[in-house]
């Protein structure tokens, strides 16, 4: 069982990063504590145990850190979703809007099939744009999105609403 208060206390606030006015939630102290990191990944996987997840999509880059142990815990394959130009084989691309422009995510074309049930994992849910784009990549391959699992949710940015009606789990909510 995870102690959410302990986990929350390990997340470090870094003011004015990456730009003035932003308070960055630094997860490095969680990663440095093997027991806490293990408890966090176990707790992120637990709501989806028995849900028939066959693939875990991990979003670049901190999502990789959580996605790999969650995939192992669920007995599922790991699918890295990357920023453009990082994947060596045939891939699918989804472009999405940011508050200041656009960005894109890519996934190998053969990573997911219509038979897959997919959990999407990342470290932080903010506005939901990146998670929503990852979900579009999965659905474009014909697969089902089982839900989303995050370490942190910045609730004041309403990202959960962009993912509705899908299941969204987050261990820490600000």
N, C-alpha and C. Protein backbone atom coordinates (compact mmCIF):
# COMPACT_ATOMS: atom_id res chain seq x y z
N UNK A 1 0.85 -1.19 0.00
CA UNK A 1 0.00 0.00 0.00
C UNK A 1 0.88 1.24 0.00
N UNK A 2 0.51 2.20 -0.78
CA UNK A 2 1.33 3.40 -0.89
C UNK A 2 0.83 4.48 0.06
N UNK A 3 1.77 5.18 0.62
CA UNK A 3 1.47 6.33 1.48
C UNK A 3 1.49 7.56 0.58
N UNK A 4 0.31 8.04 0.20
CA UNK A 4 0.20 9.17 -0.73
C UNK A 4 0.82 10.43 -0.13
N UNK A 5 0.68 10.63 1.18
CA UNK A 5 1.29 11.81 1.82
C UNK A 5 2.81 11.78 1.66
N UNK A 6 3.39 10.60 1.88
CA UNK A 6 4.84 10.45 1.73
C UNK A 6 5.25 10.69 0.27
N UNK A 7 4.50 10.12 -0.65
CA UNK A 7 4.78 10.31 -2.07
C UNK A 7 4.69 11.79 -2.44
N UNK A 8 3.64 12.42 -2.00
CA UNK A 8 3.44 13.85 -2.32
C UNK A 8 4.57 14.70 -1.75
N UNK A 9 5.02 14.36 -0.53
CA UNK A 9 6.09 15.14 0.10
C UNK A 9 7.43 14.97 -0.63
N UNK A 10 7.56 13.90 -1.40
CA UNK A 10 8.81 13.66 -2.14
C UNK A 10 8.87 14.47 -3.43
N UNK A 11 7.72 14.91 -3.94
CA UNK A 11 7.72 15.71 -5.16
C UNK A 11 8.17 17.12 -4.81
N UNK A 12 9.18 17.59 -5.53
CA UNK A 12 9.81 18.88 -5.23
C UNK A 12 9.27 19.96 -6.16
N UNK A 13 8.89 21.10 -5.57
CA UNK A 13 8.49 22.26 -6.37
C UNK A 13 9.72 23.06 -6.77
N UNK A 14 9.82 23.35 -8.06
CA UNK A 14 10.91 24.18 -8.58
C UNK A 14 10.28 25.42 -9.21
N UNK A 15 10.36 26.57 -8.53
CA UNK A 15 9.73 27.77 -9.07
C UNK A 15 10.45 28.31 -10.30
N UNK A 16 9.66 28.92 -11.17
CA UNK A 16 10.16 29.60 -12.37
C UNK A 16 10.93 28.68 -13.31
N UNK A 17 10.48 27.41 -13.42
CA UNK A 17 11.08 26.48 -14.36
C UNK A 17 9.97 25.83 -15.16
N UNK A 18 10.04 25.77 -16.45
CA UNK A 18 11.12 26.18 -17.33
C UNK A 18 11.08 27.67 -17.69
N UNK A 19 10.06 28.39 -17.19
CA UNK A 19 10.01 29.83 -17.44
C UNK A 19 9.35 30.51 -16.24
N UNK A 20 9.51 31.80 -16.12
CA UNK A 20 8.95 32.52 -14.97
C UNK A 20 7.44 32.30 -14.82
N UNK A 21 7.03 32.11 -13.58
CA UNK A 21 5.62 31.92 -13.26
C UNK A 21 5.18 30.46 -13.21
N UNK A 22 6.01 29.55 -13.69
CA UNK A 22 5.69 28.13 -13.67
C UNK A 22 6.31 27.51 -12.41
N UNK A 23 5.53 26.67 -11.72
CA UNK A 23 6.08 25.88 -10.62
C UNK A 23 6.16 24.45 -11.12
N UNK A 24 7.36 24.01 -11.41
CA UNK A 24 7.60 22.68 -11.97
C UNK A 24 7.55 21.64 -10.86
N UNK A 25 6.83 20.55 -11.11
CA UNK A 25 6.75 19.44 -10.16
C UNK A 25 7.85 18.44 -10.52
N UNK A 26 8.92 18.45 -9.74
CA UNK A 26 10.10 17.61 -9.99
C UNK A 26 9.92 16.25 -9.31
N UNK A 27 9.87 15.20 -10.12
CA UNK A 27 9.67 13.85 -9.61
C UNK A 27 10.97 13.13 -9.29
N UNK A 28 12.10 13.78 -9.52
CA UNK A 28 13.40 13.14 -9.30
C UNK A 28 13.53 12.53 -7.90
N UNK A 29 13.10 13.21 -6.83
CA UNK A 29 13.21 12.58 -5.50
C UNK A 29 12.43 11.27 -5.39
N UNK A 30 11.33 11.14 -6.09
CA UNK A 30 10.58 9.87 -6.10
C UNK A 30 11.42 8.78 -6.77
N UNK A 31 12.05 9.13 -7.88
CA UNK A 31 12.86 8.17 -8.62
C UNK A 31 14.09 7.74 -7.84
N UNK A 32 14.62 8.63 -7.02
CA UNK A 32 15.83 8.34 -6.24
C UNK A 32 15.60 7.37 -5.10
N UNK A 33 14.36 7.24 -4.67
CA UNK A 33 14.00 6.36 -3.55
C UNK A 33 13.40 5.08 -4.13
N UNK A 34 14.19 4.01 -4.17
CA UNK A 34 13.75 2.78 -4.82
C UNK A 34 12.44 2.25 -4.25
N UNK A 35 12.28 2.33 -2.96
CA UNK A 35 11.05 1.82 -2.35
C UNK A 35 9.85 2.68 -2.76
N UNK A 36 10.01 3.98 -2.71
CA UNK A 36 8.93 4.89 -3.08
C UNK A 36 8.60 4.79 -4.57
N UNK A 37 9.63 4.70 -5.41
CA UNK A 37 9.43 4.53 -6.84
C UNK A 37 8.68 3.23 -7.13
N UNK A 38 9.07 2.17 -6.47
CA UNK A 38 8.39 0.89 -6.64
C UNK A 38 6.93 0.95 -6.20
N UNK A 39 6.69 1.57 -5.06
CA UNK A 39 5.31 1.72 -4.58
C UNK A 39 4.48 2.55 -5.55
N UNK A 40 5.07 3.61 -6.08
CA UNK A 40 4.35 4.48 -7.02
C UNK A 40 3.96 3.71 -8.28
N UNK A 41 4.89 2.98 -8.86
CA UNK A 41 4.57 2.25 -10.10
C UNK A 41 3.56 1.14 -9.82
N UNK A 42 3.67 0.50 -8.68
CA UNK A 42 2.69 -0.53 -8.30
C UNK A 42 1.30 0.09 -8.18
N UNK A 43 1.21 1.24 -7.52
CA UNK A 43 -0.07 1.91 -7.33
C UNK A 43 -0.63 2.44 -8.65
N UNK A 44 0.22 2.84 -9.57
CA UNK A 44 -0.25 3.30 -10.88
C UNK A 44 -0.78 2.13 -11.72
N UNK A 45 -0.22 0.95 -11.52
CA UNK A 45 -0.65 -0.24 -12.26
C UNK A 45 -1.90 -0.87 -11.66
N UNK A 46 -2.03 -0.82 -10.34
CA UNK A 46 -3.08 -1.56 -9.62
C UNK A 46 -4.50 -1.36 -10.15
N UNK A 47 -4.93 -0.14 -10.46
CA UNK A 47 -6.32 0.00 -10.93
C UNK A 47 -6.61 -0.72 -12.24
N UNK A 48 -5.56 -1.10 -12.97
CA UNK A 48 -5.73 -1.73 -14.28
C UNK A 48 -5.37 -3.21 -14.27
N UNK A 49 -5.00 -3.75 -13.10
CA UNK A 49 -4.75 -5.18 -12.99
C UNK A 49 -6.06 -5.91 -13.27
N UNK A 50 -6.00 -6.93 -14.08
CA UNK A 50 -7.21 -7.67 -14.41
C UNK A 50 -8.08 -7.00 -15.46
N UNK A 51 -7.61 -5.89 -16.04
CA UNK A 51 -8.41 -5.16 -17.03
C UNK A 51 -8.09 -5.60 -18.45
N UNK A 52 -7.27 -6.63 -18.60
CA UNK A 52 -6.97 -7.14 -19.93
C UNK A 52 -6.03 -6.27 -20.75
N UNK A 53 -5.20 -5.47 -20.08
CA UNK A 53 -4.26 -4.60 -20.78
C UNK A 53 -3.20 -5.46 -21.47
N UNK A 54 -3.02 -5.26 -22.77
CA UNK A 54 -2.02 -6.01 -23.53
C UNK A 54 -0.82 -5.16 -23.93
N UNK A 55 -1.00 -3.83 -23.92
CA UNK A 55 0.08 -2.90 -24.24
C UNK A 55 0.00 -1.71 -23.30
N UNK A 56 1.18 -1.23 -22.90
CA UNK A 56 1.29 0.02 -22.16
C UNK A 56 2.00 1.01 -23.07
N UNK A 57 1.31 2.10 -23.36
CA UNK A 57 1.90 3.18 -24.14
C UNK A 57 2.52 4.16 -23.16
N UNK A 58 3.81 4.39 -23.28
CA UNK A 58 4.53 5.32 -22.42
C UNK A 58 4.94 6.52 -23.23
N UNK A 59 4.59 7.71 -22.74
CA UNK A 59 4.81 8.94 -23.48
C UNK A 59 6.17 9.54 -23.11
N UNK A 60 6.93 9.91 -24.13
CA UNK A 60 8.25 10.51 -23.96
C UNK A 60 8.19 11.73 -23.06
N UNK A 61 9.10 11.93 -22.21
CA UNK A 61 10.17 11.02 -21.87
C UNK A 61 10.00 10.45 -20.46
N UNK A 62 9.44 11.23 -19.55
CA UNK A 62 9.30 10.71 -18.19
C UNK A 62 8.25 9.61 -18.11
N UNK A 63 7.36 9.55 -19.06
CA UNK A 63 6.41 8.44 -19.09
C UNK A 63 7.10 7.11 -19.26
N UNK A 64 8.27 7.11 -19.93
CA UNK A 64 9.04 5.86 -20.10
C UNK A 64 9.43 5.29 -18.74
N UNK A 65 9.79 6.18 -17.81
CA UNK A 65 10.26 5.74 -16.50
C UNK A 65 9.20 4.97 -15.74
N UNK A 66 7.94 5.36 -15.91
CA UNK A 66 6.84 4.70 -15.22
C UNK A 66 6.24 3.60 -16.07
N UNK A 67 6.21 3.79 -17.38
CA UNK A 67 5.59 2.83 -18.27
C UNK A 67 6.24 1.46 -18.25
N UNK A 68 7.58 1.42 -18.20
CA UNK A 68 8.27 0.13 -18.25
C UNK A 68 7.93 -0.76 -17.05
N UNK A 69 8.06 -0.29 -15.81
CA UNK A 69 7.70 -1.18 -14.70
C UNK A 69 6.20 -1.49 -14.64
N UNK A 70 5.36 -0.57 -15.10
CA UNK A 70 3.92 -0.83 -15.12
C UNK A 70 3.60 -1.92 -16.13
N UNK A 71 4.24 -1.86 -17.31
CA UNK A 71 4.03 -2.90 -18.32
C UNK A 71 4.45 -4.26 -17.77
N UNK A 72 5.59 -4.32 -17.11
CA UNK A 72 6.03 -5.58 -16.52
C UNK A 72 5.02 -6.09 -15.49
N UNK A 73 4.54 -5.19 -14.65
CA UNK A 73 3.57 -5.55 -13.60
C UNK A 73 2.28 -6.10 -14.21
N UNK A 74 1.84 -5.52 -15.33
CA UNK A 74 0.59 -5.93 -15.97
C UNK A 74 0.77 -7.07 -16.97
N UNK A 75 2.02 -7.49 -17.19
CA UNK A 75 2.28 -8.55 -18.16
C UNK A 75 1.97 -8.10 -19.59
N UNK A 76 2.23 -6.85 -19.86
CA UNK A 76 1.90 -6.25 -21.17
C UNK A 76 3.17 -5.80 -21.88
N UNK A 77 3.08 -5.63 -23.18
CA UNK A 77 4.18 -5.07 -23.94
C UNK A 77 4.26 -3.57 -23.74
N UNK A 78 5.45 -3.02 -23.93
CA UNK A 78 5.69 -1.59 -23.77
C UNK A 78 5.83 -0.94 -25.14
N UNK A 79 5.09 0.15 -25.36
CA UNK A 79 5.13 0.88 -26.61
C UNK A 79 5.58 2.31 -26.32
N UNK A 80 6.78 2.68 -26.76
CA UNK A 80 7.20 4.07 -26.57
C UNK A 80 6.55 4.98 -27.61
N UNK A 81 5.99 6.08 -27.14
CA UNK A 81 5.45 7.13 -28.01
C UNK A 81 6.42 8.29 -27.91
N UNK A 82 6.92 8.73 -29.07
CA UNK A 82 8.04 9.67 -29.09
C UNK A 82 7.69 10.95 -29.82
N UNK A 83 8.54 11.93 -29.60
CA UNK A 83 8.47 13.17 -30.37
C UNK A 83 8.95 12.86 -31.79
N UNK A 84 8.63 13.69 -32.76
CA UNK A 84 8.97 13.41 -34.16
C UNK A 84 10.47 13.18 -34.40
N UNK A 85 10.73 12.24 -35.31
CA UNK A 85 12.09 11.99 -35.76
C UNK A 85 12.91 11.06 -34.90
N UNK A 86 12.31 10.40 -33.92
CA UNK A 86 13.08 9.56 -32.99
C UNK A 86 12.90 8.06 -33.25
N UNK A 87 11.89 7.68 -34.02
CA UNK A 87 11.61 6.25 -34.23
C UNK A 87 12.24 5.77 -35.53
N UNK A 88 12.90 4.61 -35.51
CA UNK A 88 13.67 4.15 -36.67
C UNK A 88 12.88 3.42 -37.74
N UNK A 89 11.64 3.03 -37.46
CA UNK A 89 10.88 2.22 -38.40
C UNK A 89 9.61 2.97 -38.82
N UNK A 90 8.81 2.34 -39.66
CA UNK A 90 7.56 2.95 -40.11
C UNK A 90 6.72 3.34 -38.90
N UNK A 91 6.13 4.52 -38.96
CA UNK A 91 5.41 5.02 -37.78
C UNK A 91 4.19 5.83 -38.19
N UNK A 92 3.30 5.97 -37.23
CA UNK A 92 2.12 6.82 -37.36
C UNK A 92 2.41 8.11 -36.61
N UNK A 93 1.77 9.21 -37.04
CA UNK A 93 1.99 10.51 -36.40
C UNK A 93 0.65 11.18 -36.15
N UNK A 94 0.57 11.84 -34.99
CA UNK A 94 -0.59 12.66 -34.66
C UNK A 94 -0.08 14.02 -34.24
N UNK A 95 -0.64 15.04 -34.85
CA UNK A 95 -0.30 16.42 -34.48
C UNK A 95 -1.38 16.93 -33.53
N UNK A 96 -0.97 17.76 -32.57
CA UNK A 96 -1.94 18.31 -31.62
C UNK A 96 -1.56 19.75 -31.28
N UNK A 97 -2.56 20.47 -30.80
CA UNK A 97 -2.39 21.89 -30.50
C UNK A 97 -1.85 22.11 -29.10
N UNK A 98 -0.99 23.08 -28.99
CA UNK A 98 -0.49 23.58 -27.72
C UNK A 98 -0.99 25.01 -27.57
N UNK A 99 -0.86 25.57 -26.38
CA UNK A 99 -1.31 26.94 -26.19
C UNK A 99 -0.51 27.92 -27.04
N UNK A 100 0.71 27.52 -27.44
CA UNK A 100 1.59 28.42 -28.19
C UNK A 100 1.96 27.90 -29.57
N UNK A 101 1.27 26.86 -30.06
CA UNK A 101 1.60 26.30 -31.36
C UNK A 101 1.11 24.88 -31.48
N UNK A 102 1.91 24.04 -32.14
CA UNK A 102 1.54 22.64 -32.32
C UNK A 102 2.74 21.76 -31.97
N UNK A 103 2.45 20.50 -31.73
CA UNK A 103 3.48 19.49 -31.51
C UNK A 103 2.96 18.20 -32.13
N UNK A 104 3.74 17.15 -32.06
CA UNK A 104 3.33 15.88 -32.63
C UNK A 104 3.93 14.73 -31.82
N UNK A 105 3.26 13.60 -31.91
CA UNK A 105 3.74 12.35 -31.30
C UNK A 105 3.75 11.28 -32.39
N UNK A 106 4.68 10.33 -32.24
CA UNK A 106 4.78 9.23 -33.19
C UNK A 106 4.87 7.89 -32.46
N UNK A 107 4.36 6.86 -33.13
CA UNK A 107 4.39 5.49 -32.60
C UNK A 107 4.64 4.55 -33.78
N UNK A 108 5.43 3.50 -33.55
CA UNK A 108 5.66 2.52 -34.62
C UNK A 108 4.33 1.96 -35.11
N UNK A 109 4.20 1.84 -36.41
CA UNK A 109 2.95 1.38 -37.04
C UNK A 109 2.57 -0.04 -36.63
N UNK A 110 3.56 -0.86 -36.32
CA UNK A 110 3.28 -2.26 -35.98
C UNK A 110 3.25 -2.53 -34.47
N UNK A 111 3.24 -1.47 -33.66
CA UNK A 111 3.32 -1.65 -32.20
C UNK A 111 2.00 -2.08 -31.57
N UNK A 112 0.91 -1.72 -32.20
CA UNK A 112 -0.42 -1.98 -31.66
C UNK A 112 -1.31 -2.51 -32.77
N UNK A 113 -2.17 -3.46 -32.41
CA UNK A 113 -3.14 -3.98 -33.37
C UNK A 113 -4.55 -3.74 -32.83
N UNK A 114 -5.52 -4.03 -33.66
CA UNK A 114 -6.92 -3.86 -33.26
C UNK A 114 -7.31 -4.80 -32.12
N UNK A 115 -6.53 -5.83 -31.87
CA UNK A 115 -6.82 -6.77 -30.77
C UNK A 115 -6.33 -6.26 -29.42
N UNK A 116 -5.55 -5.17 -29.40
CA UNK A 116 -4.93 -4.70 -28.16
C UNK A 116 -5.86 -3.83 -27.33
N UNK A 117 -5.63 -3.94 -26.03
CA UNK A 117 -6.28 -3.08 -25.03
C UNK A 117 -5.14 -2.33 -24.36
N UNK A 118 -5.16 -1.00 -24.41
CA UNK A 118 -3.98 -0.19 -24.13
C UNK A 118 -4.18 0.72 -22.93
N UNK A 119 -3.18 0.74 -22.06
CA UNK A 119 -3.09 1.69 -20.96
C UNK A 119 -2.05 2.74 -21.36
N UNK A 120 -2.42 4.02 -21.24
CA UNK A 120 -1.50 5.11 -21.57
C UNK A 120 -0.96 5.68 -20.27
N UNK A 121 0.38 5.78 -20.17
CA UNK A 121 1.06 6.18 -18.93
C UNK A 121 1.94 7.40 -19.18
N UNK A 122 1.88 8.34 -18.24
CA UNK A 122 2.79 9.48 -18.26
C UNK A 122 2.99 9.95 -16.82
N UNK A 123 3.95 10.82 -16.62
CA UNK A 123 4.22 11.29 -15.26
C UNK A 123 3.20 12.32 -14.79
N UNK A 124 2.82 13.27 -15.67
CA UNK A 124 1.95 14.37 -15.27
C UNK A 124 0.83 14.56 -16.28
N UNK A 125 -0.39 14.73 -15.76
CA UNK A 125 -1.52 15.16 -16.57
C UNK A 125 -1.70 16.65 -16.30
N UNK A 126 -1.48 17.46 -17.33
CA UNK A 126 -1.65 18.91 -17.21
C UNK A 126 -2.89 19.31 -18.00
N UNK A 127 -2.73 19.84 -19.19
CA UNK A 127 -3.88 20.25 -19.99
C UNK A 127 -4.54 19.09 -20.73
N UNK A 128 -3.86 17.95 -20.79
CA UNK A 128 -4.42 16.76 -21.41
C UNK A 128 -4.14 16.61 -22.90
N UNK A 129 -3.50 17.60 -23.51
CA UNK A 129 -3.25 17.55 -24.95
C UNK A 129 -2.37 16.39 -25.38
N UNK A 130 -1.30 16.17 -24.64
CA UNK A 130 -0.38 15.08 -25.00
C UNK A 130 -1.06 13.73 -24.81
N UNK A 131 -1.74 13.55 -23.69
CA UNK A 131 -2.43 12.28 -23.42
C UNK A 131 -3.53 12.04 -24.46
N UNK A 132 -4.25 13.08 -24.80
CA UNK A 132 -5.30 12.96 -25.80
C UNK A 132 -4.70 12.55 -27.16
N UNK A 133 -3.57 13.12 -27.52
CA UNK A 133 -2.89 12.76 -28.78
C UNK A 133 -2.43 11.31 -28.75
N UNK A 134 -1.90 10.86 -27.62
CA UNK A 134 -1.49 9.45 -27.50
C UNK A 134 -2.71 8.54 -27.66
N UNK A 135 -3.82 8.93 -27.10
CA UNK A 135 -5.06 8.15 -27.27
C UNK A 135 -5.49 8.09 -28.72
N UNK A 136 -5.34 9.19 -29.45
CA UNK A 136 -5.68 9.20 -30.87
C UNK A 136 -4.78 8.25 -31.66
N UNK A 137 -3.48 8.23 -31.32
CA UNK A 137 -2.57 7.29 -31.98
C UNK A 137 -3.05 5.86 -31.80
N UNK A 138 -3.41 5.52 -30.57
CA UNK A 138 -3.87 4.16 -30.24
C UNK A 138 -5.15 3.84 -31.01
N UNK A 139 -6.13 4.72 -30.96
CA UNK A 139 -7.40 4.47 -31.64
C UNK A 139 -7.24 4.44 -33.16
N UNK A 140 -6.30 5.22 -33.70
CA UNK A 140 -6.05 5.18 -35.13
C UNK A 140 -5.55 3.82 -35.59
N UNK A 141 -4.97 3.06 -34.67
CA UNK A 141 -4.50 1.70 -34.99
C UNK A 141 -5.62 0.68 -34.77
N UNK A 142 -6.79 1.16 -34.34
CA UNK A 142 -7.93 0.27 -34.14
C UNK A 142 -8.00 -0.35 -32.76
N UNK A 143 -7.08 0.00 -31.89
CA UNK A 143 -7.05 -0.58 -30.55
C UNK A 143 -7.95 0.19 -29.59
N UNK A 144 -8.23 -0.43 -28.46
CA UNK A 144 -9.06 0.16 -27.41
C UNK A 144 -8.18 0.79 -26.34
N UNK A 145 -8.53 1.98 -25.89
CA UNK A 145 -7.84 2.62 -24.78
C UNK A 145 -8.54 2.18 -23.50
N UNK A 146 -7.81 1.44 -22.65
CA UNK A 146 -8.37 0.98 -21.37
C UNK A 146 -8.43 2.11 -20.36
N UNK A 147 -7.52 3.08 -20.50
CA UNK A 147 -7.48 4.22 -19.59
C UNK A 147 -6.11 4.86 -19.58
N UNK A 148 -5.97 5.78 -18.61
CA UNK A 148 -4.75 6.56 -18.44
C UNK A 148 -4.30 6.46 -16.99
N UNK A 149 -3.00 6.39 -16.78
CA UNK A 149 -2.45 6.38 -15.42
C UNK A 149 -1.32 7.40 -15.33
N UNK A 150 -1.44 8.28 -14.33
CA UNK A 150 -0.46 9.35 -14.13
C UNK A 150 0.02 9.33 -12.68
N UNK A 151 1.24 9.76 -12.47
CA UNK A 151 1.73 9.97 -11.11
C UNK A 151 1.06 11.21 -10.53
N UNK A 152 1.02 12.30 -11.31
CA UNK A 152 0.53 13.60 -10.85
C UNK A 152 -0.53 14.12 -11.81
N UNK A 153 -1.56 14.75 -11.23
CA UNK A 153 -2.55 15.46 -12.02
C UNK A 153 -2.60 16.91 -11.53
N UNK A 154 -2.45 17.84 -12.45
CA UNK A 154 -2.60 19.26 -12.15
C UNK A 154 -4.06 19.61 -12.45
N UNK A 155 -4.93 19.35 -11.48
CA UNK A 155 -6.37 19.46 -11.67
C UNK A 155 -6.84 20.82 -12.11
N UNK A 156 -6.14 21.86 -11.71
CA UNK A 156 -6.53 23.23 -12.06
C UNK A 156 -6.39 23.51 -13.56
N UNK A 157 -5.74 22.61 -14.31
CA UNK A 157 -5.60 22.78 -15.76
C UNK A 157 -6.66 21.99 -16.55
N UNK A 158 -7.48 21.22 -15.83
CA UNK A 158 -8.65 20.53 -16.41
C UNK A 158 -8.32 19.54 -17.52
N UNK A 159 -7.15 18.93 -17.48
CA UNK A 159 -6.78 17.94 -18.49
C UNK A 159 -7.67 16.71 -18.51
N UNK A 160 -8.18 16.34 -17.34
CA UNK A 160 -9.05 15.16 -17.23
C UNK A 160 -10.28 15.30 -18.14
N UNK A 161 -10.78 16.51 -18.25
CA UNK A 161 -11.97 16.75 -19.07
C UNK A 161 -11.73 16.42 -20.54
N UNK A 162 -10.52 16.62 -21.02
CA UNK A 162 -10.20 16.31 -22.42
C UNK A 162 -10.16 14.81 -22.68
N UNK A 163 -10.02 14.02 -21.62
CA UNK A 163 -9.91 12.57 -21.76
C UNK A 163 -11.23 11.86 -21.50
N UNK A 164 -12.22 12.60 -21.07
CA UNK A 164 -13.53 12.05 -20.75
C UNK A 164 -14.14 11.41 -21.98
N UNK A 165 -14.75 10.28 -21.93
CA UNK A 165 -15.24 9.53 -20.77
C UNK A 165 -14.31 8.40 -20.32
N UNK A 166 -13.07 8.40 -20.78
CA UNK A 166 -12.17 7.31 -20.46
C UNK A 166 -11.72 7.37 -18.99
N UNK A 167 -11.30 6.23 -18.48
CA UNK A 167 -10.84 6.13 -17.10
C UNK A 167 -9.50 6.84 -16.95
N UNK A 168 -9.41 7.70 -15.95
CA UNK A 168 -8.18 8.44 -15.65
C UNK A 168 -7.85 8.23 -14.18
N UNK A 169 -6.65 7.74 -13.92
CA UNK A 169 -6.16 7.53 -12.55
C UNK A 169 -4.91 8.37 -12.35
N UNK A 170 -4.82 9.03 -11.19
CA UNK A 170 -3.64 9.80 -10.82
C UNK A 170 -3.42 9.63 -9.33
N UNK A 171 -2.17 9.43 -8.92
CA UNK A 171 -1.88 9.21 -7.52
C UNK A 171 -1.91 10.51 -6.70
N UNK A 172 -1.38 11.57 -7.27
CA UNK A 172 -1.30 12.86 -6.57
C UNK A 172 -2.06 13.89 -7.39
N UNK A 173 -2.88 14.67 -6.72
CA UNK A 173 -3.62 15.71 -7.44
C UNK A 173 -3.34 17.07 -6.79
N UNK A 174 -2.98 18.02 -7.63
CA UNK A 174 -2.78 19.41 -7.19
C UNK A 174 -3.88 20.27 -7.77
